[in-house]
Amino acid sequence: MRRVALLVIHTGRRRSTDHARTVARDLIAAGFEVRVIAEEAADVELPGVVPITGLAAAEGAEIVFALGGDGTFLRAAELARPAKAPLLGINLGKVGFLAEAEIGDLDRAVRHVVDRNYTVDERLTLEVRAEIDGGQVIESWALNEVSVEKGQRAQMLELMVDVDGRPLSRYGCDGVVCATPTGSTAYAFSAGGPVVWPEVEALLLVPVSAHALFSKPLVTAPTSTFVITVDPYTTLAVMCCDGRRVYDLPPGTRVTVRRGGLPVRVVRLRPRPFTDRLVAKFGLPVDGWRGNPR
């Protein structure tokens, strides 16, 4: 049976397309049909690569490769998630926290895929529904986070936050971040939230620059529901999903965030403690900030 792989590439970097060409060549030699997003196919310039368009690009794919940084990984997740295809990130960017392999592991990663020598983890996602006065409804999802933020730099945003149907607090703030454990090392971390191991099933709520006595980040049950109401008399708000899908929210909008029904399936090439990934990606000093006294 012919096997199918989809490559999602950061074409803005020349070396990314060079590495994508190498991956595609190796996969074709191993009997794969290799698909590339049509807009990126010209950069690969390799006979046998199949250009493809639309959100169904990963349909029927055995695996999706994301060759780039975390932004490329999140873009690839938009295609892999509805197809339930496993997603393998190869870091060609800077931190690349979501990636499983670095550029030096490229050949080994391809061999593991060809041999089907890998495991797949399911990552919790978020579903979001924004109800705007007048009847308009916006629905989206996120792997990392959904944020509701102020749309005008000079003005504070007034938000009311409910958790599980009960009022929690009203915040005058720059915004609120609702995150998954996967997203705990992204925007939520920068806003002062905790790092949560990806195996933990939980949701995070992190106020951003809140003018309040109680503005600590919260970790709730995975079954929790957050409702964020943009005050009718406050300024324009903006909702952002994974830094990719952005929507304007007028005052009075009601945003509901809960666990998504469809996870993102992430490839693991080998068992690796999350602690090791945290130390490597953040450059943590395991001997302490002052060095090892011995």
C-alpha atoms as a PDB file:
ATOM      1  CA  MET A   1       0.000   0.000   0.000  1.00  0.00           C
ATOM      2  CA  ARG A   2       1.346   3.429  -0.922  1.00  0.00           C
ATOM      3  CA  ARG A   3       2.087   5.615   2.080  1.00  0.00           C
ATOM      4  CA  VAL A   4       1.420   9.356   2.202  1.00  0.00           C
ATOM      5  CA  ALA A   5       3.350  12.117   3.986  1.00  0.00           C
ATOM      6  CA  LEU A   6       2.576  15.835   4.036  1.00  0.00           C
ATOM      7  CA  LEU A   7       5.411  18.362   4.421  1.00  0.00           C
ATOM      8  CA  VAL A   8       4.677  21.809   5.866  1.00  0.00           C
ATOM      9  CA  ILE A   9       7.658  24.100   5.383  1.00  0.00           C
ATOM     10  CA  HIS A  10       8.892  27.482   6.563  1.00  0.00           C
ATOM     11  CA  THR A  11       9.780  28.699   3.092  1.00  0.00           C
ATOM     12  CA  GLY A  12      11.081  32.029   4.361  1.00  0.00           C
ATOM     13  CA  ARG A  13      14.374  30.357   5.252  1.00  0.00           C
ATOM     14  CA  ARG A  14      16.478  28.899   2.449  1.00  0.00           C
ATOM     15  CA  ARG A  15      17.913  26.135   4.593  1.00  0.00           C
ATOM     16  CA  SER A  16      14.371  25.046   5.488  1.00  0.00           C
ATOM     17  CA  THR A  17      13.588  24.374   1.836  1.00  0.00           C
ATOM     18  CA  ASP A  18      16.942  22.625   1.383  1.00  0.00           C
ATOM     19  CA  HIS A  19      16.182  20.294   4.286  1.00  0.00           C
ATOM     20  CA  ALA A  20      12.603  19.789   3.058  1.00  0.00           C
ATOM     21  CA  ARG A  21      13.995  18.730  -0.317  1.00  0.00           C
ATOM     22  CA  THR A  22      16.203  16.159   1.413  1.00  0.00           C
ATOM     23  CA  VAL A  23      13.308  14.793   3.481  1.00  0.00           C
ATOM     24  CA  ALA A  24      11.061  14.590   0.415  1.00  0.00           C
ATOM     25  CA  ARG A  25      13.728  12.773  -1.611  1.00  0.00           C
ATOM     26  CA  ASP A  26      14.288  10.203   1.145  1.00  0.00           C
ATOM     27  CA  LEU A  27      10.568   9.606   1.642  1.00  0.00           C
ATOM     28  CA  ILE A  28       9.927   9.186  -2.090  1.00  0.00           C
ATOM     29  CA  ALA A  29      12.798   6.691  -2.259  1.00  0.00           C
ATOM     30  CA  ALA A  30      11.122   4.754   0.576  1.00  0.00           C
ATOM     31  CA  GLY A  31       7.850   4.525  -1.377  1.00  0.00           C
ATOM     32  CA  PHE A  32       5.924   7.465   0.047  1.00  0.00           C
ATOM     33  CA  GLU A  33       3.694   9.816  -1.858  1.00  0.00           C
ATOM     34  CA  VAL A  34       4.960  13.191  -0.651  1.00  0.00           C
ATOM     35  CA  ARG A  35       2.542  16.117  -0.578  1.00  0.00           C
ATOM     36  CA  VAL A  36       3.515  19.757  -0.185  1.00  0.00           C
ATOM     37  CA  ILE A  37       1.231  22.764   0.221  1.00  0.00           C
ATOM     38  CA  ALA A  38       0.804  24.178  -3.278  1.00  0.00           C
ATOM     39  CA  GLU A  39       2.178  27.616  -2.366  1.00  0.00           C
ATOM     40  CA  GLU A  40       5.347  25.950  -1.068  1.00  0.00           C
ATOM     41  CA  ALA A  41       5.831  23.351  -3.815  1.00  0.00           C
ATOM     42  CA  ALA A  42       7.836  25.665  -6.073  1.00  0.00           C
ATOM     43  CA  ASP A  43      10.409  26.130  -3.298  1.00  0.00           C
ATOM     44  CA  VAL A  44      10.974  22.379  -3.003  1.00  0.00           C
ATOM     45  CA  GLU A  45      11.521  21.881  -6.755  1.00  0.00           C
ATOM     46  CA  LEU A  46      11.631  18.106  -6.653  1.00  0.00           C
ATOM     47  CA  PRO A  47      10.082  15.717  -9.206  1.00  0.00           C
ATOM     48  CA  GLY A  48       7.459  13.458  -7.661  1.00  0.00           C
ATOM     49  CA  VAL A  49       6.238  15.927  -5.039  1.00  0.00           C
ATOM     50  CA  VAL A  50       2.452  16.389  -5.166  1.00  0.00           C
ATOM     51  CA  PRO A  51       1.180  19.969  -4.666  1.00  0.00           C
ATOM     52  CA  ILE A  52      -2.042  20.087  -2.642  1.00  0.00           C
ATOM     53  CA  THR A  53      -4.368  22.818  -1.387  1.00  0.00           C
ATOM     54  CA  GLY A  54      -7.068  23.222   1.225  1.00  0.00           C
ATOM     55  CA  LEU A  55      -7.636  22.173   4.826  1.00  0.00           C
ATOM     56  CA  ALA A  56      -7.971  18.533   3.696  1.00  0.00           C
ATOM     57  CA  ALA A  57      -4.305  18.425   2.636  1.00  0.00           C
ATOM     58  CA  ALA A  58      -3.480  15.873   5.364  1.00  0.00           C
ATOM     59  CA  GLU A  59      -6.465  13.617   4.656  1.00  0.00           C
ATOM     60  CA  GLY A  60      -5.198  10.050   4.322  1.00  0.00           C
ATOM     61  CA  ALA A  61      -1.650  10.996   5.335  1.00  0.00           C
ATOM     62  CA  GLU A  62       0.283   8.585   7.519  1.00  0.00           C
ATOM     63  CA  ILE A  63       2.286  11.481   8.954  1.00  0.00           C
ATOM     64  CA  VAL A  64       2.699  15.260   8.722  1.00  0.00           C
ATOM     65  CA  PHE A  65       6.157  16.844   8.936  1.00  0.00           C
ATOM     66  CA  ALA A  66       6.498  20.423  10.226  1.00  0.00           C
ATOM     67  CA  LEU A  67       9.881  21.768   9.114  1.00  0.00           C
ATOM     68  CA  GLY A  68      10.502  25.084  10.856  1.00  0.00           C
ATOM     69  CA  GLY A  69       9.844  26.625  14.252  1.00  0.00           C
ATOM     70  CA  ASP A  70       6.817  26.632  16.543  1.00  0.00           C
ATOM     71  CA  GLY A  71       4.862  28.814  14.121  1.00  0.00           C
ATOM     72  CA  THR A  72       5.281  26.227  11.380  1.00  0.00           C
ATOM     73  CA  PHE A  73       4.269  23.490  13.824  1.00  0.00           C
ATOM     74  CA  LEU A  74       1.054  25.331  14.728  1.00  0.00           C
ATOM     75  CA  ARG A  75       0.283  25.892  11.047  1.00  0.00           C
ATOM     76  CA  ALA A  76       0.799  22.186  10.375  1.00  0.00           C
ATOM     77  CA  ALA A  77      -1.445  21.328  13.335  1.00  0.00           C
ATOM     78  CA  GLU A  78      -4.336  23.099  11.572  1.00  0.00           C
ATOM     79  CA  LEU A  79      -4.040  20.491   8.801  1.00  0.00           C
ATOM     80  CA  ALA A  80      -3.100  17.427  10.851  1.00  0.00           C
ATOM     81  CA  ARG A  81      -5.803  17.765  13.529  1.00  0.00           C
ATOM     82  CA  PRO A  82      -8.969  17.301  11.395  1.00  0.00           C
ATOM     83  CA  ALA A  83      -7.311  14.401   9.546  1.00  0.00           C
ATOM     84  CA  LYS A  84      -6.199  12.833  12.864  1.00  0.00           C
ATOM     85  CA  ALA A  85      -2.742  12.504  11.317  1.00  0.00           C
ATOM     86  CA  PRO A  86       0.346  12.276  13.576  1.00  0.00           C
ATOM     87  CA  LEU A  87       2.462  15.434  13.500  1.00  0.00           C
ATOM     88  CA  LEU A  88       6.271  15.425  13.687  1.00  0.00           C
ATOM     89  CA  GLY A  89       8.075  18.706  14.291  1.00  0.00           C
ATOM     90  CA  ILE A  90      11.650  19.211  13.083  1.00  0.00           C
ATOM     91  CA  ASN A  91      13.075  22.386  14.614  1.00  0.00           C
ATOM     92  CA  LEU A  92      14.701  24.674  12.066  1.00  0.00           C
ATOM     93  CA  GLY A  93      13.871  27.791  14.061  1.00  0.00           C
ATOM     94  CA  LYS A  94      15.147  29.133  17.385  1.00  0.00           C
ATOM     95  CA  VAL A  95      13.607  27.550  20.497  1.00  0.00           C
ATOM     96  CA  GLY A  96      11.212  25.180  18.744  1.00  0.00           C
ATOM     97  CA  PHE A  97       9.617  23.966  21.966  1.00  0.00           C
ATOM     98  CA  LEU A  98       6.954  21.966  20.144  1.00  0.00           C
ATOM     99  CA  ALA A  99       9.394  20.131  17.883  1.00  0.00           C
ATOM    100  CA  GLU A 100      10.438  16.559  18.590  1.00  0.00           C
ATOM    101  CA  ALA A 101      13.742  16.630  16.693  1.00  0.00           C
ATOM    102  CA  GLU A 102      16.496  19.089  15.902  1.00  0.00           C
ATOM    103  CA  ILE A 103      18.150  19.579  12.534  1.00  0.00           C
ATOM    104  CA  GLY A 104      20.981  17.241  13.502  1.00  0.00           C
ATOM    105  CA  ASP A 105      18.404  14.451  13.991  1.00  0.00           C
ATOM    106  CA  LEU A 106      16.852  14.846  10.545  1.00  0.00           C
ATOM    107  CA  ASP A 107      18.165  11.646   8.931  1.00  0.00           C
ATOM    108  CA  ARG A 108      17.366   9.588  12.008  1.00  0.00           C
ATOM    109  CA  ALA A 109      13.864  11.062  12.216  1.00  0.00           C
ATOM    110  CA  VAL A 110      13.127  10.090   8.611  1.00  0.00           C
ATOM    111  CA  ARG A 111      14.405   6.553   9.234  1.00  0.00           C
ATOM    112  CA  HIS A 112      12.131   6.229  12.266  1.00  0.00           C
ATOM    113  CA  VAL A 113       9.154   7.322  10.164  1.00  0.00           C
ATOM    114  CA  VAL A 114      10.004   4.947   7.315  1.00  0.00           C
ATOM    115  CA  ASP A 115      10.330   2.076   9.800  1.00  0.00           C
ATOM    116  CA  ARG A 116       7.218   3.212  11.712  1.00  0.00           C
ATOM    117  CA  ASN A 117       9.422   3.275  14.784  1.00  0.00           C
ATOM    118  CA  TYR A 118       7.679   5.977  16.806  1.00  0.00           C
ATOM    119  CA  THR A 119       4.868   6.545  19.263  1.00  0.00           C
ATOM    120  CA  VAL A 120       2.055   9.091  19.223  1.00  0.00           C
ATOM    121  CA  ASP A 121       0.862  11.287  22.105  1.00  0.00           C
ATOM    122  CA  GLU A 122      -2.502  13.037  22.122  1.00  0.00           C
ATOM    123  CA  ARG A 123      -2.342  16.694  23.135  1.00  0.00           C
ATOM    124  CA  LEU A 124      -5.333  18.388  24.733  1.00  0.00           C
ATOM    125  CA  THR A 125      -6.818  21.260  22.709  1.00  0.00           C
ATOM    126  CA  LEU A 126      -9.248  24.111  23.360  1.00  0.00           C
ATOM    127  CA  GLU A 127     -12.501  24.945  21.632  1.00  0.00           C
ATOM    128  CA  VAL A 128     -13.749  28.527  21.749  1.00  0.00           C
ATOM    129  CA  ARG A 129     -17.078  30.146  20.898  1.00  0.00           C
ATOM    130  CA  ALA A 130     -17.530  33.918  20.854  1.00  0.00           C
ATOM    131  CA  GLU A 131     -21.087  35.261  20.842  1.00  0.00           C
ATOM    132  CA  ILE A 132     -21.331  38.835  19.657  1.00  0.00           C
ATOM    133  CA  ASP A 133     -24.319  41.120  20.251  1.00  0.00           C
ATOM    134  CA  GLY A 134     -26.459  40.930  17.145  1.00  0.00           C
ATOM    135  CA  GLY A 135     -26.263  37.171  16.796  1.00  0.00           C
ATOM    136  CA  GLN A 136     -22.857  36.712  15.156  1.00  0.00           C
ATOM    137  CA  VAL A 137     -20.970  33.629  16.399  1.00  0.00           C
ATOM    138  CA  ILE A 138     -17.250  32.892  15.982  1.00  0.00           C
ATOM    139  CA  GLU A 139     -15.968  29.354  16.565  1.00  0.00           C
ATOM    140  CA  SER A 140     -12.341  28.311  16.589  1.00  0.00           C
ATOM    141  CA  TRP A 141      -9.814  26.142  18.436  1.00  0.00           C
ATOM    142  CA  ALA A 142      -6.247  26.197  19.770  1.00  0.00           C
ATOM    143  CA  LEU A 143      -3.418  23.853  20.675  1.00  0.00           C
ATOM    144  CA  ASN A 144      -1.494  26.378  22.785  1.00  0.00           C
ATOM    145  CA  GLU A 145      -3.858  29.109  23.936  1.00  0.00           C
ATOM    146  CA  VAL A 146      -6.836  31.354  23.376  1.00  0.00           C
ATOM    147  CA  SER A 147      -6.268  34.936  24.492  1.00  0.00           C
ATOM    148  CA  VAL A 148      -8.749  37.792  24.876  1.00  0.00           C
ATOM    149  CA  GLU A 149      -6.777  41.044  24.862  1.00  0.00           C
ATOM    150  CA  LYS A 150      -7.308  44.760  24.614  1.00  0.00           C
ATOM    151  CA  GLY A 151      -7.615  46.050  21.078  1.00  0.00           C
ATOM    152  CA  GLN A 152      -6.465  49.591  21.876  1.00  0.00           C
ATOM    153  CA  ARG A 153      -3.036  50.067  23.368  1.00  0.00           C
ATOM    154  CA  ALA A 154      -3.826  53.119  25.498  1.00  0.00           C
ATOM    155  CA  GLN A 155      -6.900  51.714  27.255  1.00  0.00           C
ATOM    156  CA  MET A 156      -7.420  49.028  29.884  1.00  0.00           C
ATOM    157  CA  LEU A 157      -9.786  46.169  29.065  1.00  0.00           C
ATOM    158  CA  GLU A 158     -12.588  45.282  31.491  1.00  0.00           C
ATOM    159  CA  LEU A 159     -13.376  41.545  31.574  1.00  0.00           C
ATOM    160  CA  MET A 160     -15.656  39.396  33.727  1.00  0.00           C
ATOM    161  CA  VAL A 161     -14.455  35.815  34.154  1.00  0.00           C
ATOM    162  CA  ASP A 162     -16.682  32.893  35.167  1.00  0.00           C
ATOM    163  CA  VAL A 163     -15.428  29.366  35.833  1.00  0.00           C
ATOM    164  CA  ASP A 164     -17.826  26.412  35.688  1.00  0.00           C
ATOM    165  CA  GLY A 165     -20.857  28.667  35.693  1.00  0.00           C
ATOM    166  CA  ARG A 166     -19.818  30.679  38.734  1.00  0.00           C
ATOM    167  CA  PRO A 167     -18.380  34.237  38.758  1.00  0.00           C
ATOM    168  CA  LEU A 168     -14.658  34.338  39.582  1.00  0.00           C
ATOM    169  CA  SER A 169     -13.516  37.937  39.228  1.00  0.00           C
ATOM    170  CA  ARG A 170     -13.747  41.119  37.190  1.00  0.00           C
ATOM    171  CA  TYR A 171     -10.390  42.208  35.829  1.00  0.00           C
ATOM    172  CA  GLY A 172      -9.163  45.545  34.562  1.00  0.00           C
ATOM    173  CA  CYS A 173      -6.273  44.170  32.522  1.00  0.00           C
ATOM    174  CA  ASP A 174      -4.417  43.838  29.251  1.00  0.00           C
ATOM    175  CA  GLY A 175      -6.151  40.490  28.722  1.00  0.00           C
ATOM    176  CA  VAL A 176      -6.656  36.912  29.820  1.00  0.00           C
ATOM    177  CA  VAL A 177      -4.929  33.795  28.462  1.00  0.00           C
ATOM    178  CA  CYS A 178      -6.661  30.393  28.476  1.00  0.00           C
ATOM    179  CA  ALA A 179      -4.029  27.733  27.827  1.00  0.00           C
ATOM    180  CA  THR A 180      -3.444  23.999  27.582  1.00  0.00           C
ATOM    181  CA  PRO A 181      -0.515  22.174  29.206  1.00  0.00           C
ATOM    182  CA  THR A 182       1.163  22.257  25.782  1.00  0.00           C
ATOM    183  CA  GLY A 183       0.719  26.023  25.732  1.00  0.00           C
ATOM    184  CA  SER A 184       1.926  26.484  29.303  1.00  0.00           C
ATOM    185  CA  THR A 185       5.456  27.143  27.979  1.00  0.00           C
ATOM    186  CA  ALA A 186       4.260  29.743  25.447  1.00  0.00           C
ATOM    187  CA  TYR A 187       2.248  32.957  25.985  1.00  0.00           C
ATOM    188  CA  ALA A 188       0.874  31.776  29.344  1.00  0.00           C
ATOM    189  CA  PHE A 189       4.444  31.284  30.621  1.00  0.00           C
ATOM    190  CA  SER A 190       5.470  34.777  29.482  1.00  0.00           C
ATOM    191  CA  ALA A 191       2.437  36.171  31.328  1.00  0.00           C
ATOM    192  CA  GLY A 192       3.554  34.530  34.587  1.00  0.00           C
ATOM    193  CA  GLY A 193       1.751  31.203  34.384  1.00  0.00           C
ATOM    194  CA  PRO A 194       3.156  27.865  35.589  1.00  0.00           C
ATOM    195  CA  VAL A 195       4.819  25.202  33.467  1.00  0.00           C
ATOM    196  CA  VAL A 196       2.526  22.169  33.302  1.00  0.00           C
ATOM    197  CA  TRP A 197       3.784  18.776  32.180  1.00  0.00           C
ATOM    198  CA  PRO A 198       2.046  17.782  28.901  1.00  0.00           C
ATOM    199  CA  GLU A 199       0.805  14.517  30.435  1.00  0.00           C
ATOM    200  CA  VAL A 200      -1.276  16.484  32.931  1.00  0.00           C
ATOM    201  CA  GLU A 201      -4.883  17.017  31.885  1.00  0.00           C
ATOM    202  CA  ALA A 202      -5.758  20.533  32.983  1.00  0.00           C
ATOM    203  CA  LEU A 203      -6.693  23.988  31.749  1.00  0.00           C
ATOM    204  CA  LEU A 204      -4.897  27.229  32.633  1.00  0.00           C
ATOM    205  CA  LEU A 205      -6.297  30.713  33.172  1.00  0.00           C
ATOM    206  CA  VAL A 206      -3.693  33.500  33.297  1.00  0.00           C
ATOM    207  CA  PRO A 207      -4.613  37.213  33.664  1.00  0.00           C
ATOM    208  CA  VAL A 208      -2.248  39.567  31.829  1.00  0.00           C
ATOM    209  CA  SER A 209      -1.143  42.738  33.647  1.00  0.00           C
ATOM    210  CA  ALA A 210      -4.300  42.768  35.763  1.00  0.00           C
ATOM    211  CA  HIS A 211      -4.966  45.785  37.989  1.00  0.00           C
ATOM    212  CA  ALA A 212      -6.319  43.626  40.826  1.00  0.00           C
ATOM    213  CA  LEU A 213      -5.360  42.311  44.254  1.00  0.00           C
ATOM    214  CA  PHE A 214      -5.972  38.755  43.050  1.00  0.00           C
ATOM    215  CA  SER A 215      -4.415  38.151  39.667  1.00  0.00           C
ATOM    216  CA  LYS A 216      -2.683  34.811  40.132  1.00  0.00           C
ATOM    217  CA  PRO A 217      -2.724  32.166  37.377  1.00  0.00           C
ATOM    218  CA  LEU A 218      -5.152  29.303  37.928  1.00  0.00           C
ATOM    219  CA  VAL A 219      -4.959  25.618  37.020  1.00  0.00           C
ATOM    220  CA  THR A 220      -8.390  24.014  36.719  1.00  0.00           C
ATOM    221  CA  ALA A 221      -9.869  20.641  35.872  1.00  0.00           C
ATOM    222  CA  PRO A 222      -9.839  19.583  32.206  1.00  0.00           C
ATOM    223  CA  THR A 223     -13.638  19.554  32.348  1.00  0.00           C
ATOM    224  CA  SER A 224     -13.824  23.210  33.392  1.00  0.00           C
ATOM    225  CA  THR A 225     -15.475  25.875  31.262  1.00  0.00           C
ATOM    226  CA  PHE A 226     -14.281  29.482  31.161  1.00  0.00           C
ATOM    227  CA  VAL A 227     -16.644  32.284  30.183  1.00  0.00           C
ATOM    228  CA  ILE A 228     -14.990  35.646  29.520  1.00  0.00           C
ATOM    229  CA  THR A 229     -17.370  38.552  29.027  1.00  0.00           C
ATOM    230  CA  VAL A 230     -16.089  41.772  27.496  1.00  0.00           C
ATOM    231  CA  ASP A 231     -17.717  44.538  29.527  1.00  0.00           C
ATOM    232  CA  PRO A 232     -20.377  46.408  27.503  1.00  0.00           C
ATOM    233  CA  TYR A 233     -18.795  49.749  28.435  1.00  0.00           C
ATOM    234  CA  THR A 234     -15.150  48.863  27.849  1.00  0.00           C
ATOM    235  CA  THR A 235     -12.930  49.157  24.769  1.00  0.00           C
ATOM    236  CA  LEU A 236     -12.653  46.865  21.745  1.00  0.00           C
ATOM    237  CA  ALA A 237     -11.126  43.445  22.445  1.00  0.00           C
ATOM    238  CA  VAL A 238      -9.242  41.010  20.248  1.00  0.00           C
ATOM    239  CA  MET A 239      -9.376  37.213  20.450  1.00  0.00           C
ATOM    240  CA  CYS A 240      -6.324  35.303  19.248  1.00  0.00           C
ATOM    241  CA  CYS A 241      -6.024  31.516  18.839  1.00  0.00           C
ATOM    242  CA  ASP A 242      -2.457  30.177  18.796  1.00  0.00           C
ATOM    243  CA  GLY A 243      -1.235  33.528  17.495  1.00  0.00           C
ATOM    244  CA  ARG A 244      -2.687  32.612  14.086  1.00  0.00           C
ATOM    245  CA  ARG A 245      -6.435  33.190  14.034  1.00  0.00           C
ATOM    246  CA  VAL A 246      -7.399  36.702  15.162  1.00  0.00           C
ATOM    247  CA  TYR A 247     -10.910  38.099  15.629  1.00  0.00           C
ATOM    248  CA  ASP A 248     -12.220  41.510  16.727  1.00  0.00           C
ATOM    249  CA  LEU A 249     -14.600  41.374  19.688  1.00  0.00           C
ATOM    250  CA  PRO A 250     -16.827  44.408  20.318  1.00  0.00           C
ATOM    251  CA  PRO A 251     -17.899  45.286  23.873  1.00  0.00           C
ATOM    252  CA  GLY A 252     -20.515  42.892  25.220  1.00  0.00           C
ATOM    253  CA  THR A 253     -19.057  39.788  23.541  1.00  0.00           C
ATOM    254  CA  ARG A 254     -19.269  36.554  25.519  1.00  0.00           C
ATOM    255  CA  VAL A 255     -16.384  34.086  24.967  1.00  0.00           C
ATOM    256  CA  THR A 256     -16.685  30.453  26.086  1.00  0.00           C
ATOM    257  CA  VAL A 257     -13.562  28.284  26.265  1.00  0.00           C
ATOM    258  CA  ARG A 258     -13.533  24.572  27.050  1.00  0.00           C
ATOM    259  CA  ARG A 259     -11.593  21.431  26.267  1.00  0.00           C
ATOM    260  CA  GLY A 260     -11.666  20.524  22.598  1.00  0.00           C
ATOM    261  CA  GLY A 261     -13.216  17.290  21.426  1.00  0.00           C
ATOM    262  CA  LEU A 262     -10.405  16.598  18.948  1.00  0.00           C
ATOM    263  CA  PRO A 263      -6.781  16.431  20.141  1.00  0.00           C
ATOM    264  CA  VAL A 264      -3.590  17.010  18.159  1.00  0.00           C
ATOM    265  CA  ARG A 265      -1.618  13.788  17.714  1.00  0.00           C
ATOM    266  CA  VAL A 266       2.103  14.457  18.238  1.00  0.00           C
ATOM    267  CA  VAL A 267       4.885  12.061  17.208  1.00  0.00           C
ATOM    268  CA  ARG A 268       7.488  10.955  19.751  1.00  0.00           C
ATOM    269  CA  LEU A 269      10.612   9.334  18.331  1.00  0.00           C
ATOM    270  CA  ARG A 270      11.973   8.153  21.661  1.00  0.00           C
ATOM    271  CA  PRO A 271      11.077   8.333  25.343  1.00  0.00           C
ATOM    272  CA  ARG A 272      12.418  11.585  26.781  1.00  0.00           C
ATOM    273  CA  PRO A 273      11.575  13.111  30.160  1.00  0.00           C
ATOM    274  CA  PHE A 274       9.881  16.483  29.886  1.00  0.00           C
ATOM    275  CA  THR A 275      12.401  17.789  32.430  1.00  0.00           C
ATOM    276  CA  ASP A 276      15.198  17.244  29.902  1.00  0.00           C
ATOM    277  CA  ARG A 277      13.253  19.124  27.228  1.00  0.00           C
ATOM    278  CA  LEU A 278      12.599  21.994  29.649  1.00  0.00           C
ATOM    279  CA  VAL A 279      16.290  22.254  30.571  1.00  0.00           C
ATOM    280  CA  ALA A 280      17.444  22.078  26.946  1.00  0.00           C
ATOM    281  CA  LYS A 281      14.924  24.514  25.443  1.00  0.00           C
ATOM    282  CA  PHE A 282      15.132  27.133  28.211  1.00  0.00           C
ATOM    283  CA  GLY A 283      18.865  26.676  28.817  1.00  0.00           C
ATOM    284  CA  LEU A 284      18.298  26.106  32.530  1.00  0.00           C
ATOM    285  CA  PRO A 285      21.457  26.008  34.692  1.00  0.00           C
ATOM    286  CA  VAL A 286      21.264  22.560  36.284  1.00  0.00           C
ATOM    287  CA  ASP A 287      24.261  23.487  38.467  1.00  0.00           C
ATOM    288  CA  GLY A 288      22.470  26.571  39.759  1.00  0.00           C
ATOM    289  CA  TRP A 289      22.640  30.208  38.771  1.00  0.00           C
ATOM    290  CA  ARG A 290      25.847  30.672  40.779  1.00  0.00           C
ATOM    291  CA  GLY A 291      27.499  27.513  39.472  1.00  0.00           C
ATOM    292  CA  ASN A 292      28.358  24.255  41.198  1.00  0.00           C
ATOM    293  CA  PRO A 293      30.254  25.026  44.429  1.00  0.00           C
ATOM    294  CA  ARG A 294      32.128  21.729  44.314  1.00  0.00           C
END
